[in-house]
Amino acid sequence: MNVKPLGDRILIKIKESETKTAGGIIIPQTAQEKTQTGIVVAVGTDKDVIKVKEGDEVMYDKYAGTQIKVQGADHLIVKMQDILAVLE
């Protein structure tokens, strides 16, 4: 299934949270904080409003968007205003 966002919306592939600390301690699923970063997969049609491009790693608002599965991976559709930063 291909998803093409419309307007000022952006499709983000959610980055998986770390399951292990730097010291090697395994973090149980219930204690893992949901990540708020991901990779831009597709952008909407409103090019004047959208300030990110495909491939950018971004940080987004914790409660933003609609979560969907695309080819078995978790994705999120958010509005441009929900993007907090581009990570470099």
N, C-alpha and C. Protein backbone atom coordinates (compact mmCIF):
# COMPACT_ATOMS: atom_id res chain seq x y z
N MET A 1 0.84 -1.17 0.00
CA MET A 1 0.00 0.00 0.00
C MET A 1 0.89 1.24 0.00
N ASN A 2 0.66 2.15 -0.92
CA ASN A 2 1.35 3.43 -0.96
C ASN A 2 0.45 4.49 -0.35
N VAL A 3 1.03 5.36 0.47
CA VAL A 3 0.28 6.43 1.12
C VAL A 3 0.86 7.75 0.65
N LYS A 4 0.04 8.63 0.10
CA LYS A 4 0.45 9.95 -0.34
C LYS A 4 -0.32 10.98 0.47
N PRO A 5 0.36 11.68 1.40
CA PRO A 5 -0.33 12.68 2.21
C PRO A 5 -0.83 13.84 1.34
N LEU A 6 -1.90 14.48 1.80
CA LEU A 6 -2.48 15.61 1.09
C LEU A 6 -2.25 16.90 1.89
N GLY A 7 -2.32 18.03 1.22
CA GLY A 7 -2.22 19.33 1.89
C GLY A 7 -0.91 19.51 2.62
N ASP A 8 -1.01 19.92 3.89
CA ASP A 8 0.20 20.18 4.69
C ASP A 8 0.58 19.01 5.57
N ARG A 9 0.18 17.81 5.19
CA ARG A 9 0.47 16.64 6.00
C ARG A 9 1.74 15.93 5.54
N ILE A 10 2.35 15.21 6.49
CA ILE A 10 3.63 14.55 6.25
C ILE A 10 3.55 13.12 6.78
N LEU A 11 4.06 12.16 6.01
CA LEU A 11 4.12 10.76 6.43
C LEU A 11 5.50 10.50 7.01
N ILE A 12 5.54 10.05 8.27
CA ILE A 12 6.80 9.80 8.98
C ILE A 12 6.88 8.33 9.37
N LYS A 13 8.04 7.72 9.11
CA LYS A 13 8.29 6.36 9.60
C LYS A 13 8.86 6.50 11.00
N ILE A 14 8.18 5.95 11.98
CA ILE A 14 8.57 6.08 13.38
C ILE A 14 9.82 5.27 13.64
N LYS A 15 10.80 5.91 14.30
CA LYS A 15 12.02 5.20 14.69
C LYS A 15 11.71 4.34 15.90
N GLU A 16 12.22 3.13 15.89
CA GLU A 16 12.01 2.21 17.01
C GLU A 16 12.82 2.68 18.21
N SER A 17 12.24 2.55 19.40
CA SER A 17 12.95 2.94 20.61
C SER A 17 13.99 1.89 20.96
N GLU A 18 15.01 2.33 21.66
CA GLU A 18 16.10 1.43 22.07
C GLU A 18 15.59 0.42 23.09
N THR A 19 16.00 -0.82 22.94
CA THR A 19 15.59 -1.87 23.87
C THR A 19 16.70 -2.19 24.86
N LYS A 20 17.86 -1.55 24.67
CA LYS A 20 19.00 -1.80 25.52
C LYS A 20 19.71 -0.48 25.82
N THR A 21 20.17 -0.32 27.06
CA THR A 21 20.93 0.87 27.41
C THR A 21 22.37 0.73 26.93
N ALA A 22 23.14 1.81 27.02
CA ALA A 22 24.54 1.77 26.60
C ALA A 22 25.34 0.77 27.44
N GLY A 23 24.91 0.56 28.70
CA GLY A 23 25.60 -0.38 29.57
C GLY A 23 25.16 -1.82 29.38
N GLY A 24 24.18 -2.06 28.49
CA GLY A 24 23.75 -3.42 28.19
C GLY A 24 22.52 -3.88 28.93
N ILE A 25 21.89 -3.00 29.72
CA ILE A 25 20.68 -3.36 30.45
C ILE A 25 19.50 -3.37 29.49
N ILE A 26 18.72 -4.44 29.49
CA ILE A 26 17.55 -4.56 28.61
C ILE A 26 16.38 -3.82 29.25
N ILE A 27 15.75 -2.95 28.46
CA ILE A 27 14.60 -2.18 28.93
C ILE A 27 13.33 -2.93 28.54
N PRO A 28 12.46 -3.28 29.52
CA PRO A 28 11.23 -3.98 29.17
C PRO A 28 10.29 -3.09 28.35
N GLN A 29 9.46 -3.71 27.55
CA GLN A 29 8.53 -3.01 26.67
C GLN A 29 7.67 -2.01 27.43
N THR A 30 7.23 -2.35 28.62
CA THR A 30 6.35 -1.48 29.40
C THR A 30 7.05 -0.24 29.91
N ALA A 31 8.37 -0.26 30.01
CA ALA A 31 9.12 0.88 30.53
C ALA A 31 9.71 1.76 29.43
N GLN A 32 9.56 1.34 28.18
CA GLN A 32 10.14 2.11 27.08
C GLN A 32 9.30 3.34 26.80
N GLU A 33 9.98 4.47 26.67
CA GLU A 33 9.32 5.72 26.31
C GLU A 33 9.09 5.71 24.80
N LYS A 34 7.89 6.09 24.39
CA LYS A 34 7.58 6.13 22.97
C LYS A 34 8.43 7.22 22.31
N THR A 35 9.10 6.86 21.25
CA THR A 35 9.96 7.80 20.56
C THR A 35 9.16 8.88 19.86
N GLN A 36 9.73 10.05 19.74
CA GLN A 36 9.08 11.12 19.00
C GLN A 36 9.95 11.60 17.85
N THR A 37 10.72 10.69 17.29
CA THR A 37 11.52 11.00 16.11
C THR A 37 11.23 9.99 15.02
N GLY A 38 11.47 10.42 13.81
CA GLY A 38 11.24 9.53 12.68
C GLY A 38 11.81 10.12 11.41
N ILE A 39 11.67 9.37 10.34
CA ILE A 39 12.18 9.75 9.04
C ILE A 39 11.00 10.11 8.13
N VAL A 40 11.10 11.26 7.46
CA VAL A 40 10.05 11.69 6.53
C VAL A 40 10.06 10.77 5.32
N VAL A 41 8.92 10.14 5.05
CA VAL A 41 8.79 9.21 3.93
C VAL A 41 8.14 9.90 2.74
N ALA A 42 7.13 10.73 3.00
CA ALA A 42 6.42 11.43 1.93
C ALA A 42 5.85 12.74 2.47
N VAL A 43 5.74 13.72 1.60
CA VAL A 43 5.18 15.02 2.00
C VAL A 43 3.95 15.31 1.16
N GLY A 44 3.09 16.16 1.71
CA GLY A 44 1.83 16.51 1.05
C GLY A 44 2.03 17.43 -0.15
N THR A 45 0.91 17.90 -0.67
CA THR A 45 0.91 18.67 -1.90
C THR A 45 1.09 20.17 -1.69
N ASP A 46 0.99 20.65 -0.46
CA ASP A 46 1.09 22.09 -0.17
C ASP A 46 2.55 22.47 0.05
N LYS A 47 3.30 22.63 -1.03
CA LYS A 47 4.75 22.86 -0.97
C LYS A 47 5.11 24.21 -0.33
N ASP A 48 4.18 25.18 -0.30
CA ASP A 48 4.47 26.48 0.30
C ASP A 48 4.56 26.39 1.82
N VAL A 49 3.83 25.48 2.43
CA VAL A 49 3.77 25.35 3.88
C VAL A 49 4.81 24.36 4.41
N ILE A 50 5.08 23.30 3.66
CA ILE A 50 5.95 22.21 4.12
C ILE A 50 7.41 22.62 4.02
N LYS A 51 8.12 22.52 5.15
CA LYS A 51 9.52 22.94 5.22
C LYS A 51 10.49 21.77 5.37
N VAL A 52 10.01 20.54 5.23
CA VAL A 52 10.87 19.36 5.32
C VAL A 52 10.79 18.61 4.00
N LYS A 53 11.75 17.69 3.81
CA LYS A 53 11.75 16.91 2.57
C LYS A 53 11.93 15.43 2.90
N GLU A 54 11.67 14.59 1.94
CA GLU A 54 11.82 13.15 2.14
C GLU A 54 13.25 12.84 2.57
N GLY A 55 13.38 11.96 3.58
CA GLY A 55 14.69 11.57 4.07
C GLY A 55 15.14 12.35 5.30
N ASP A 56 14.48 13.48 5.61
CA ASP A 56 14.84 14.25 6.80
C ASP A 56 14.46 13.48 8.06
N GLU A 57 15.32 13.55 9.08
CA GLU A 57 14.97 13.00 10.39
C GLU A 57 14.37 14.14 11.20
N VAL A 58 13.17 13.93 11.72
CA VAL A 58 12.45 14.99 12.41
C VAL A 58 12.00 14.57 13.80
N MET A 59 11.75 15.57 14.64
CA MET A 59 11.16 15.37 15.95
C MET A 59 9.76 15.96 15.88
N TYR A 60 8.77 15.22 16.40
CA TYR A 60 7.39 15.67 16.31
C TYR A 60 6.75 15.67 17.68
N ASP A 61 5.61 16.36 17.79
CA ASP A 61 4.86 16.47 19.03
C ASP A 61 4.40 15.09 19.49
N LYS A 62 4.46 14.84 20.79
CA LYS A 62 4.17 13.53 21.36
C LYS A 62 2.77 13.01 21.02
N TYR A 63 1.78 13.88 21.02
CA TYR A 63 0.39 13.44 20.81
C TYR A 63 -0.13 13.80 19.42
N ALA A 64 0.76 13.99 18.48
CA ALA A 64 0.36 14.43 17.14
C ALA A 64 0.01 13.28 16.23
N GLY A 65 -0.82 13.58 15.27
CA GLY A 65 -1.03 12.71 14.13
C GLY A 65 -1.87 11.47 14.32
N THR A 66 -1.91 10.70 13.25
CA THR A 66 -2.65 9.45 13.17
C THR A 66 -1.67 8.34 12.85
N GLN A 67 -1.65 7.32 13.69
CA GLN A 67 -0.71 6.22 13.50
C GLN A 67 -1.32 5.19 12.56
N ILE A 68 -0.50 4.72 11.59
CA ILE A 68 -0.93 3.69 10.64
C ILE A 68 0.23 2.72 10.43
N LYS A 69 -0.08 1.56 9.86
CA LYS A 69 0.96 0.59 9.48
C LYS A 69 1.05 0.58 7.96
N VAL A 70 2.27 0.70 7.47
CA VAL A 70 2.53 0.63 6.04
C VAL A 70 3.59 -0.44 5.84
N GLN A 71 3.25 -1.48 5.13
CA GLN A 71 4.15 -2.61 4.86
C GLN A 71 4.74 -3.16 6.17
N GLY A 72 3.90 -3.25 7.21
CA GLY A 72 4.30 -3.84 8.48
C GLY A 72 5.06 -2.92 9.42
N ALA A 73 5.36 -1.70 9.01
CA ALA A 73 6.11 -0.76 9.86
C ALA A 73 5.18 0.36 10.34
N ASP A 74 5.43 0.84 11.56
CA ASP A 74 4.63 1.92 12.12
C ASP A 74 4.99 3.25 11.47
N HIS A 75 3.95 3.97 11.04
CA HIS A 75 4.10 5.30 10.44
C HIS A 75 3.13 6.24 11.12
N LEU A 76 3.33 7.53 10.90
CA LEU A 76 2.49 8.55 11.48
C LEU A 76 2.22 9.61 10.42
N ILE A 77 0.97 10.05 10.32
CA ILE A 77 0.63 11.16 9.44
C ILE A 77 0.39 12.37 10.34
N VAL A 78 1.21 13.42 10.15
CA VAL A 78 1.10 14.62 10.99
C VAL A 78 0.98 15.85 10.12
N LYS A 79 0.51 16.95 10.71
CA LYS A 79 0.50 18.24 10.03
C LYS A 79 1.87 18.88 10.19
N MET A 80 2.22 19.78 9.30
CA MET A 80 3.52 20.46 9.36
C MET A 80 3.71 21.15 10.70
N GLN A 81 2.66 21.71 11.27
CA GLN A 81 2.77 22.44 12.54
C GLN A 81 3.15 21.52 13.71
N ASP A 82 2.99 20.20 13.54
CA ASP A 82 3.34 19.24 14.59
C ASP A 82 4.82 18.85 14.55
N ILE A 83 5.53 19.25 13.49
CA ILE A 83 6.97 18.99 13.41
C ILE A 83 7.68 20.04 14.26
N LEU A 84 8.46 19.57 15.24
CA LEU A 84 9.14 20.48 16.16
C LEU A 84 10.54 20.85 15.69
N ALA A 85 11.25 19.92 15.04
CA ALA A 85 12.63 20.20 14.63
C ALA A 85 13.08 19.19 13.59
N VAL A 86 14.08 19.60 12.81
CA VAL A 86 14.78 18.70 11.90
C VAL A 86 16.09 18.36 12.57
N LEU A 87 16.39 17.06 12.70
CA LEU A 87 17.60 16.61 13.38
C LEU A 87 18.71 16.44 12.35
N GLU A 88 19.88 16.97 12.66
CA GLU A 88 21.01 16.87 11.72
C GLU A 88 22.12 16.06 12.33
